[in-house]
Amino acid sequence: MLSINDTLVIDDNDIVGLVGKNGSGKTTLIKNALCLGQNRFKIILDGDDFCEHREYSKLTGVFQEPATQILALTCEEELKLRSLFHTIDFNIAKKIMENYINRDFYTLSDGYKKRFVIASALSSNPKHILLDEPFANLDKYSTKLVKEIIPKGSLIAEHRIKEIRDLVSKVYLIKEINRIVEIEKEKLYDEKFLREEGLRGFKLPEINIKPKDKVIFEYSWIKLREGEILCLVGRNGVGKTTTLKKLVNKVYIIFQNPDLQFFKPRVIDEVKDEEALRLFKIKDLAEKSPFTLSYGQKMRVLIATAFASGSKVIGFDEPSVGMDGEALLSFYQMVKILKEEGKAMIIATHDEDILSLCDKVVNLEEMRIVYT
C-alpha cells in the first residue's frame, strides 16, 4: 500500500484516478510523491518512509514530457541502461513498442515517445507507478494497448476523463496541493459536476457555421475553403506533425509547447494588434510576460498572434494536450471566432472532443476523407 500525506491512498489492488483543473497540483503531487519536488511529503510505502530509502524499483513515475526521462539515444540502449539498476522485462517494452523498439528515441513521433517512457517504466515491474497524463498524444490503438498493461497499484492523473472512467476503481479530486478529496466514481459521468469543477468529459456545443464556397488555400492534396476546419487523424507515427511542418512557410502553425513559441517580454509585443487582444479577450494581459500565464491564457495569446499575422490558415498540432475542461471550452470559443472571421484551420489530433469541431476529417494512414 502507498500513502501520500495520509490523504491519498493507493491499495495494491486498486487503479486510482487523480483529476483536477490545470494548476491544481497533479504534477507537483506526483513529483513530491517520488521525493523529487521541493516539498517534503509524507510518503509511506508498505509501512516504511519511502523518501528515506527511495527504492525506485518499487515506486516509479512517468511525467508529461518524455524527453526529460531519457538518457540514451535509442530505446534499446535506454532499457539496457535501466537494467544496470533494475530487473527489466524486455517483453513488456516490446509489447508496447512493437517494431519501434530498435528506433532512435528522438526520431519517434510524440505518441511513440510517450509509449516508450511508459514501456520503460513498466518494464521494471514496479509495485506502484504514478502516471502523469499517460494518454496525451496517444491514438485509440495506443490508448487501448496502454490501458491493458497498466497494473493494479497505479495512480493515473489525467484530463481525458473518458479514458479513465472504466479503468479506475477509486478517484481523487485535487483542488490545491493540500486539498485532495476522494469522490464517487459516478461523478466522472456527471456533466454538471465536471463543468463546475473545470474538468473535461462534457460534450462541446456544435459550431453552426458552415464554410464559405471560396477556396483560400491549396497545397498538394489540401484544399481549404474560407472558414473550413480540416482535421488530420491516423495512428501514432503516421505523419500528422510532419504534414504540418511541411506547411510552416505557408500556414501559421501553433505547435504543442507554447513556451517555445514566445520571443518577446510582453503579450502586447507578441500580438502587436489591439483588435486581436480585444477579440480574444486578453487586453488585461497585454503588459504581462507570456511565460507567466496559465496554459489556457498562453493558447489565447498564440491564437491572437496567429490571427494578427494575417495568415488565412492556422494550423494546430494536438492543441488539446494538457487542457482541462475550462481550457478546452476556451479553445472552442476561439475556434468559433476564427471561423466567424473566415480563417481556415488544419488540426492534427487524436482527441474526439476536437474532432467534433471539424468540417472534414482526413485519415493520413489511408489518405482518405473519413468525415465531411
Protein backbone atom coordinates (compact mmCIF):
# COMPACT_ATOMS: atom_id res chain seq x y z
CA MET A 1 0.00 0.00 0.00
CA LEU A 2 1.13 3.53 -0.82
CA SER A 3 0.01 6.51 1.26
CA ILE A 4 0.67 10.13 0.25
CA ASN A 5 0.36 12.64 3.08
CA ASP A 6 -2.24 10.38 4.77
CA THR A 7 -4.76 11.74 2.23
CA LEU A 8 -4.36 9.77 -0.98
CA VAL A 9 -4.14 6.00 -0.55
CA ILE A 10 -3.31 3.52 -3.31
CA ASP A 11 -4.06 -0.06 -2.32
CA ASP A 12 -2.21 -2.84 -4.11
CA ASN A 13 -5.39 -3.97 -5.92
CA ASP A 14 -6.60 -0.51 -6.96
CA ILE A 15 -6.06 1.64 -10.01
CA VAL A 16 -6.60 5.17 -8.73
CA GLY A 17 -7.60 8.23 -10.76
CA LEU A 18 -6.49 11.76 -9.89
CA VAL A 19 -8.43 14.61 -11.54
CA GLY A 20 -8.21 18.37 -11.22
CA LYS A 21 -8.00 21.62 -13.16
CA ASN A 22 -4.81 22.94 -14.72
CA GLY A 23 -2.58 24.29 -11.96
CA SER A 24 -4.31 22.34 -9.18
CA GLY A 25 -1.12 20.41 -8.37
CA LYS A 26 -1.39 16.99 -10.05
CA THR A 27 2.15 17.05 -11.45
CA THR A 28 3.52 18.61 -8.25
CA LEU A 29 1.91 15.86 -6.18
CA ILE A 30 3.47 13.12 -8.34
CA LYS A 31 6.93 14.72 -8.20
CA ASN A 32 6.74 15.08 -4.43
CA ALA A 33 5.39 11.56 -4.02
CA LEU A 34 8.59 10.40 -5.74
CA CYS A 35 10.65 12.69 -3.45
CA LEU A 36 11.70 14.79 -6.45
CA GLY A 37 9.92 18.02 -5.53
CA GLN A 38 10.72 20.88 -3.22
CA ASN A 39 8.13 19.93 -0.61
CA ARG A 40 8.70 17.18 1.91
CA PHE A 41 5.74 14.84 1.64
CA LYS A 42 4.93 12.01 3.98
CA ILE A 43 5.23 9.02 1.62
CA ILE A 44 4.62 5.66 3.27
CA LEU A 45 5.19 2.56 1.14
CA ASP A 46 4.30 -0.71 2.86
CA GLY A 47 4.82 0.91 6.25
CA ASP A 48 8.23 2.48 5.51
CA ASP A 49 9.20 6.08 4.78
CA PHE A 50 9.87 5.97 1.03
CA CYS A 51 11.93 9.17 0.93
CA GLU A 52 14.49 7.70 3.34
CA HIS A 53 15.36 4.74 1.07
CA ARG A 54 13.99 5.80 -2.34
CA GLU A 55 13.51 2.30 -3.71
CA TYR A 56 12.50 3.29 -7.23
CA SER A 57 12.25 -0.35 -8.24
CA LYS A 58 9.09 -0.41 -6.10
CA LEU A 59 7.71 3.06 -6.86
CA THR A 60 8.30 4.96 -10.09
CA GLY A 61 6.60 7.53 -12.30
CA VAL A 62 6.04 8.78 -15.83
CA PHE A 63 5.85 12.53 -16.44
CA GLN A 64 4.25 14.60 -19.21
CA GLU A 65 7.43 15.39 -21.17
CA PRO A 66 9.01 12.10 -22.35
CA ALA A 67 12.40 13.55 -23.37
CA THR A 68 13.17 14.61 -19.79
CA GLN A 69 13.11 10.95 -18.70
CA ILE A 70 15.52 9.52 -21.29
CA LEU A 71 19.32 9.32 -21.03
CA ALA A 72 20.27 7.14 -24.01
CA LEU A 73 19.82 7.81 -27.74
CA THR A 74 17.98 4.63 -28.69
CA CYS A 75 15.12 2.81 -27.00
CA GLU A 76 17.13 -0.40 -26.69
CA GLU A 77 20.12 1.41 -25.12
CA GLU A 78 17.80 3.09 -22.61
CA LEU A 79 16.41 -0.28 -21.50
CA LYS A 80 19.93 -1.71 -21.17
CA LEU A 81 20.89 1.31 -19.07
CA ARG A 82 17.88 0.76 -16.80
CA SER A 83 18.83 -2.93 -16.47
CA LEU A 84 22.00 -1.86 -14.63
CA PHE A 85 19.78 -0.68 -11.77
CA HIS A 86 16.59 -2.73 -12.11
CA THR A 87 15.49 -6.13 -13.33
CA ILE A 88 13.95 -5.42 -16.73
CA ASP A 89 11.23 -7.40 -18.51
CA PHE A 90 12.06 -6.64 -22.15
CA ASN A 91 8.85 -8.38 -23.29
CA ILE A 92 6.71 -5.64 -21.73
CA ALA A 93 8.64 -2.96 -23.62
CA LYS A 94 8.42 -4.93 -26.88
CA LYS A 95 4.67 -5.40 -26.48
CA ILE A 96 4.08 -1.65 -26.14
CA MET A 97 6.68 -0.50 -28.70
CA GLU A 98 6.25 -3.30 -31.27
CA ASN A 99 8.58 -2.72 -34.27
CA TYR A 100 9.74 0.64 -32.93
CA ILE A 101 11.77 -0.85 -30.07
CA ASN A 102 15.05 -0.54 -32.04
CA ARG A 103 14.50 3.07 -33.11
CA ASP A 104 16.38 6.21 -32.12
CA PHE A 105 14.18 7.76 -29.43
CA TYR A 106 14.45 11.28 -30.82
CA THR A 107 13.18 10.25 -34.27
CA LEU A 108 9.93 8.89 -32.81
CA SER A 109 6.60 10.70 -33.00
CA ASP A 110 5.31 12.29 -29.79
CA GLY A 111 2.89 9.39 -29.38
CA TYR A 112 5.61 6.76 -29.63
CA LYS A 113 7.86 8.74 -27.28
CA LYS A 114 5.05 8.62 -24.72
CA ARG A 115 4.55 4.90 -25.35
CA PHE A 116 8.25 4.26 -24.77
CA VAL A 117 8.58 6.08 -21.44
CA ILE A 118 5.53 4.16 -20.20
CA ALA A 119 7.02 0.91 -21.53
CA SER A 120 10.37 1.70 -19.93
CA ALA A 121 8.80 2.38 -16.53
CA LEU A 122 6.55 -0.69 -16.60
CA SER A 123 9.35 -3.00 -17.75
CA SER A 124 10.94 -2.86 -14.29
CA ASN A 125 7.68 -4.24 -12.78
CA PRO A 126 7.31 -1.62 -10.02
CA LYS A 127 4.80 -2.29 -7.27
CA HIS A 128 3.30 1.18 -7.79
CA ILE A 129 3.56 3.53 -10.77
CA LEU A 130 2.42 7.17 -10.89
CA LEU A 131 1.37 8.27 -14.39
CA ASP A 132 1.00 11.94 -15.34
CA GLU A 133 -1.25 12.38 -18.41
CA PRO A 134 -0.40 8.94 -19.86
CA PHE A 135 -2.99 9.13 -22.66
CA ALA A 136 -1.94 12.53 -24.04
CA ASN A 137 -0.64 12.19 -27.63
CA LEU A 138 -1.87 8.60 -27.91
CA ASP A 139 -4.13 7.32 -30.70
CA LYS A 140 -7.02 4.94 -29.99
CA TYR A 141 -4.94 1.81 -30.56
CA SER A 142 -2.10 3.02 -28.33
CA THR A 143 -4.54 4.11 -25.63
CA LYS A 144 -6.15 0.65 -25.63
CA LEU A 145 -2.72 -1.01 -25.50
CA VAL A 146 -1.55 1.10 -22.55
CA LYS A 147 -4.85 0.62 -20.69
CA GLU A 148 -4.48 -3.15 -20.96
CA ILE A 149 -0.99 -3.15 -19.46
CA ILE A 150 -1.35 -0.57 -16.63
CA PRO A 151 -1.05 -2.68 -13.48
CA LYS A 152 -3.03 -2.52 -10.26
CA GLY A 153 -1.43 -0.27 -7.70
CA SER A 154 -1.18 2.59 -10.22
CA LEU A 155 -2.16 6.25 -9.94
CA ILE A 156 -3.33 7.99 -13.13
CA ALA A 157 -3.50 11.79 -13.25
CA GLU A 158 -5.49 12.53 -16.38
CA HIS A 159 -7.54 15.29 -18.05
CA ARG A 160 -9.23 12.94 -20.51
CA ILE A 161 -11.93 11.75 -18.14
CA LYS A 162 -13.45 9.43 -20.77
CA GLU A 163 -10.28 7.34 -20.80
CA ILE A 164 -10.27 6.57 -17.07
CA ARG A 165 -13.97 6.13 -16.32
CA ASP A 166 -13.95 2.36 -16.81
CA LEU A 167 -10.32 1.88 -15.81
CA VAL A 168 -10.06 3.23 -12.27
CA SER A 169 -11.58 1.76 -9.12
CA LYS A 170 -11.16 4.87 -6.97
CA VAL A 171 -10.97 8.62 -7.75
CA TYR A 172 -9.50 11.66 -6.00
CA LEU A 173 -10.19 15.30 -6.87
CA ILE A 174 -7.34 17.75 -6.26
CA LYS A 175 -8.12 21.48 -5.96
CA GLU A 176 -4.81 22.53 -4.44
CA ILE A 177 -1.76 20.56 -3.35
CA ASN A 178 -3.17 20.32 0.19
CA ARG A 179 -6.84 19.99 -0.80
CA ILE A 180 -7.39 16.44 -2.03
CA VAL A 181 -10.71 14.64 -1.55
CA GLU A 182 -11.97 11.24 -2.59
CA ILE A 183 -15.06 11.44 -4.82
CA GLU A 184 -17.53 8.85 -6.02
CA LYS A 185 -16.54 7.26 -9.32
CA GLU A 186 -20.01 8.08 -10.66
CA LYS A 187 -19.02 11.77 -10.61
CA LEU A 188 -16.89 11.09 -13.70
CA TYR A 189 -20.16 10.65 -15.64
CA ASP A 190 -21.84 13.75 -14.16
CA GLU A 191 -21.51 16.51 -16.79
CA LYS A 192 -22.81 19.19 -14.42
CA PHE A 193 -20.19 18.27 -11.80
CA LEU A 194 -17.41 18.11 -14.42
CA ARG A 195 -18.29 21.58 -15.74
CA GLU A 196 -18.48 23.07 -12.25
CA GLU A 197 -15.06 21.67 -11.36
CA GLY A 198 -13.49 22.79 -14.65
CA LEU A 199 -12.88 19.18 -15.73
CA ARG A 200 -13.31 17.55 -19.13
CA GLY A 201 -15.84 14.89 -20.01
CA PHE A 202 -18.76 17.08 -21.13
CA LYS A 203 -19.86 17.48 -24.74
CA LEU A 204 -18.83 20.65 -26.58
CA PRO A 205 -21.63 22.57 -28.36
CA GLU A 206 -21.75 22.40 -32.15
CA ILE A 207 -20.32 25.25 -34.21
CA ASN A 208 -23.19 26.01 -36.57
CA ILE A 209 -21.11 27.99 -39.07
CA LYS A 210 -20.71 26.43 -42.50
CA PRO A 211 -17.57 27.07 -44.59
CA LYS A 212 -17.96 29.52 -47.49
CA ASP A 213 -17.56 28.34 -51.08
CA LYS A 214 -14.44 30.42 -51.71
CA VAL A 215 -11.23 28.34 -51.74
CA ILE A 216 -8.49 30.29 -49.91
CA PHE A 217 -5.70 27.70 -49.70
CA GLU A 218 -4.39 24.94 -51.96
CA TYR A 219 -1.23 22.89 -51.48
CA SER A 220 -0.59 19.34 -52.65
CA TRP A 221 -3.75 17.41 -51.74
CA ILE A 222 -5.00 20.02 -49.25
CA LYS A 223 -7.75 22.40 -50.40
CA LEU A 224 -9.43 24.67 -47.85
CA ARG A 225 -12.42 26.96 -48.09
CA GLU A 226 -12.97 30.11 -46.08
CA GLY A 227 -13.93 29.15 -42.50
CA GLU A 228 -13.27 25.42 -43.03
CA ILE A 229 -11.74 23.19 -40.36
CA LEU A 230 -9.73 20.21 -41.62
CA CYS A 231 -8.64 17.61 -39.07
CA LEU A 232 -5.78 15.19 -39.66
CA VAL A 233 -6.04 11.82 -37.93
CA GLY A 234 -4.18 8.50 -38.02
CA ARG A 235 -2.11 6.24 -35.83
CA ASN A 236 0.93 7.50 -33.94
CA GLY A 237 3.85 7.95 -36.34
CA VAL A 238 1.74 8.24 -39.49
CA GLY A 239 2.93 11.80 -40.20
CA LYS A 240 0.41 14.33 -38.82
CA THR A 241 3.05 16.62 -37.29
CA THR A 242 5.30 16.09 -40.33
CA THR A 243 2.48 17.25 -42.61
CA LEU A 244 2.11 20.42 -40.55
CA LYS A 245 5.87 21.05 -40.61
CA LYS A 246 5.79 20.95 -44.42
CA LEU A 247 3.32 23.84 -44.30
CA VAL A 248 5.38 26.08 -41.99
CA ASN A 249 6.20 28.68 -44.67
CA LYS A 250 2.64 28.70 -45.99
CA VAL A 251 0.47 28.43 -42.85
CA TYR A 252 0.74 29.89 -39.34
CA ILE A 253 1.37 26.78 -37.18
CA ILE A 254 0.83 26.57 -33.42
CA PHE A 255 2.79 23.61 -32.06
CA GLN A 256 2.31 21.81 -28.75
CA ASN A 257 4.67 23.66 -26.40
CA PRO A 258 3.54 27.30 -26.10
CA ASP A 259 6.72 28.46 -24.32
CA LEU A 260 8.85 27.58 -27.34
CA GLN A 261 6.79 29.98 -29.46
CA PHE A 262 7.19 33.13 -27.37
CA PHE A 263 10.03 35.53 -28.17
CA LYS A 264 9.01 38.85 -26.58
CA PRO A 265 8.84 40.04 -22.93
CA ARG A 266 5.20 41.20 -23.05
CA VAL A 267 1.96 39.87 -24.53
CA ILE A 268 1.39 43.11 -26.46
CA ASP A 269 4.84 42.72 -28.04
CA GLU A 270 3.90 39.23 -29.23
CA VAL A 271 0.43 40.05 -30.56
CA LYS A 272 1.09 43.60 -31.83
CA ASP A 273 -2.60 44.15 -32.57
CA GLU A 274 -5.17 45.84 -30.30
CA GLU A 275 -8.10 44.30 -32.19
CA ALA A 276 -6.72 40.78 -31.68
CA LEU A 277 -6.26 41.49 -27.95
CA ARG A 278 -9.91 42.58 -27.74
CA LEU A 279 -11.28 39.78 -29.91
CA PHE A 280 -9.60 37.03 -27.88
CA LYS A 281 -10.21 38.75 -24.51
CA ILE A 282 -6.59 39.24 -23.45
CA LYS A 283 -6.39 43.04 -23.21
CA ASP A 284 -5.90 42.72 -19.45
CA LEU A 285 -2.83 40.54 -20.10
CA ALA A 286 -1.18 42.97 -22.52
CA GLU A 287 1.60 44.08 -20.16
CA LYS A 288 2.28 40.65 -18.67
CA SER A 289 5.00 38.21 -19.69
CA PRO A 290 3.52 35.38 -21.77
CA PHE A 291 5.74 32.92 -19.88
CA THR A 292 3.91 33.65 -16.58
CA LEU A 293 0.43 32.88 -17.91
CA SER A 294 -1.70 29.76 -17.44
CA TYR A 295 -1.81 27.19 -20.25
CA GLY A 296 -5.21 28.43 -21.43
CA GLN A 297 -4.04 32.05 -21.45
CA LYS A 298 -0.90 31.10 -23.40
CA MET A 299 -3.08 29.46 -26.05
CA ARG A 300 -5.16 32.63 -26.27
CA VAL A 301 -2.01 34.69 -26.85
CA LEU A 302 -0.74 32.30 -29.54
CA ILE A 303 -4.08 32.26 -31.35
CA ALA A 304 -4.37 36.05 -31.13
CA THR A 305 -0.85 36.31 -32.57
CA ALA A 306 -1.76 33.92 -35.39
CA PHE A 307 -4.90 35.94 -36.12
CA ALA A 308 -2.95 39.21 -36.14
CA SER A 309 -0.37 37.75 -38.54
CA GLY A 310 -2.89 37.98 -41.36
CA SER A 311 -2.49 34.30 -42.29
CA LYS A 312 -5.60 32.90 -43.94
CA VAL A 313 -4.90 29.45 -42.50
CA ILE A 314 -3.90 28.48 -38.95
CA GLY A 315 -2.56 25.03 -38.06
CA PHE A 316 -2.67 23.31 -34.67
CA ASP A 317 -0.63 20.29 -33.55
CA GLU A 318 -2.53 18.35 -30.86
CA PRO A 319 -3.93 21.56 -29.30
CA SER A 320 -5.89 19.83 -26.53
CA VAL A 321 -2.87 18.14 -24.88
CA GLY A 322 -2.75 19.40 -21.30
CA MET A 323 -6.17 21.09 -21.48
CA ASP A 324 -8.68 20.85 -18.65
CA GLY A 325 -12.40 21.49 -19.21
CA GLU A 326 -12.10 25.26 -18.90
CA ALA A 327 -9.18 25.44 -21.35
CA LEU A 328 -10.97 23.17 -23.83
CA LEU A 329 -14.11 25.32 -23.71
CA SER A 330 -11.94 28.42 -24.17
CA PHE A 331 -10.27 26.80 -27.20
CA TYR A 332 -13.71 26.00 -28.64
CA GLN A 333 -14.73 29.66 -28.28
CA MET A 334 -11.56 30.84 -30.02
CA VAL A 335 -12.02 28.37 -32.88
CA LYS A 336 -15.56 29.70 -33.27
CA ILE A 337 -14.22 33.27 -33.51
CA LEU A 338 -11.64 32.24 -36.12
CA LYS A 339 -14.38 30.54 -38.13
CA GLU A 340 -16.58 33.64 -37.94
CA GLU A 341 -13.65 35.72 -39.18
CA GLY A 342 -13.22 33.43 -42.18
CA LYS A 343 -9.98 31.74 -41.10
CA ALA A 344 -9.42 28.15 -42.24
CA MET A 345 -7.78 25.70 -39.84
CA ILE A 346 -5.81 22.47 -40.03
CA ILE A 347 -5.79 20.48 -36.78
CA ALA A 348 -3.71 17.36 -36.14
CA THR A 349 -5.43 15.49 -33.33
CA HIS A 350 -6.47 12.20 -31.71
CA ASP A 351 -8.98 13.93 -29.43
CA GLU A 352 -12.65 13.11 -30.04
CA ASP A 353 -13.69 16.43 -28.47
CA ILE A 354 -11.64 18.32 -31.07
CA LEU A 355 -12.86 16.08 -33.91
CA SER A 356 -16.41 17.16 -33.12
CA LEU A 357 -15.47 20.67 -34.32
CA CYS A 358 -14.19 19.59 -37.75
CA ASP A 359 -15.85 20.12 -41.12
CA LYS A 360 -13.65 17.47 -42.75
CA VAL A 361 -11.51 14.67 -41.29
CA VAL A 362 -8.72 13.05 -43.30
CA ASN A 363 -7.08 9.80 -42.20
CA LEU A 364 -3.43 10.13 -43.24
CA GLU A 365 -2.87 6.40 -42.84
CA GLU A 366 -5.20 5.66 -45.72
CA MET A 367 -5.22 9.15 -47.33
CA ARG A 368 -8.99 9.23 -47.40
CA ILE A 369 -11.70 11.53 -46.10
CA VAL A 370 -13.48 9.77 -43.23
CA TYR A 371 -15.89 12.59 -42.40
CA THR A 372 -17.20 15.67 -44.19
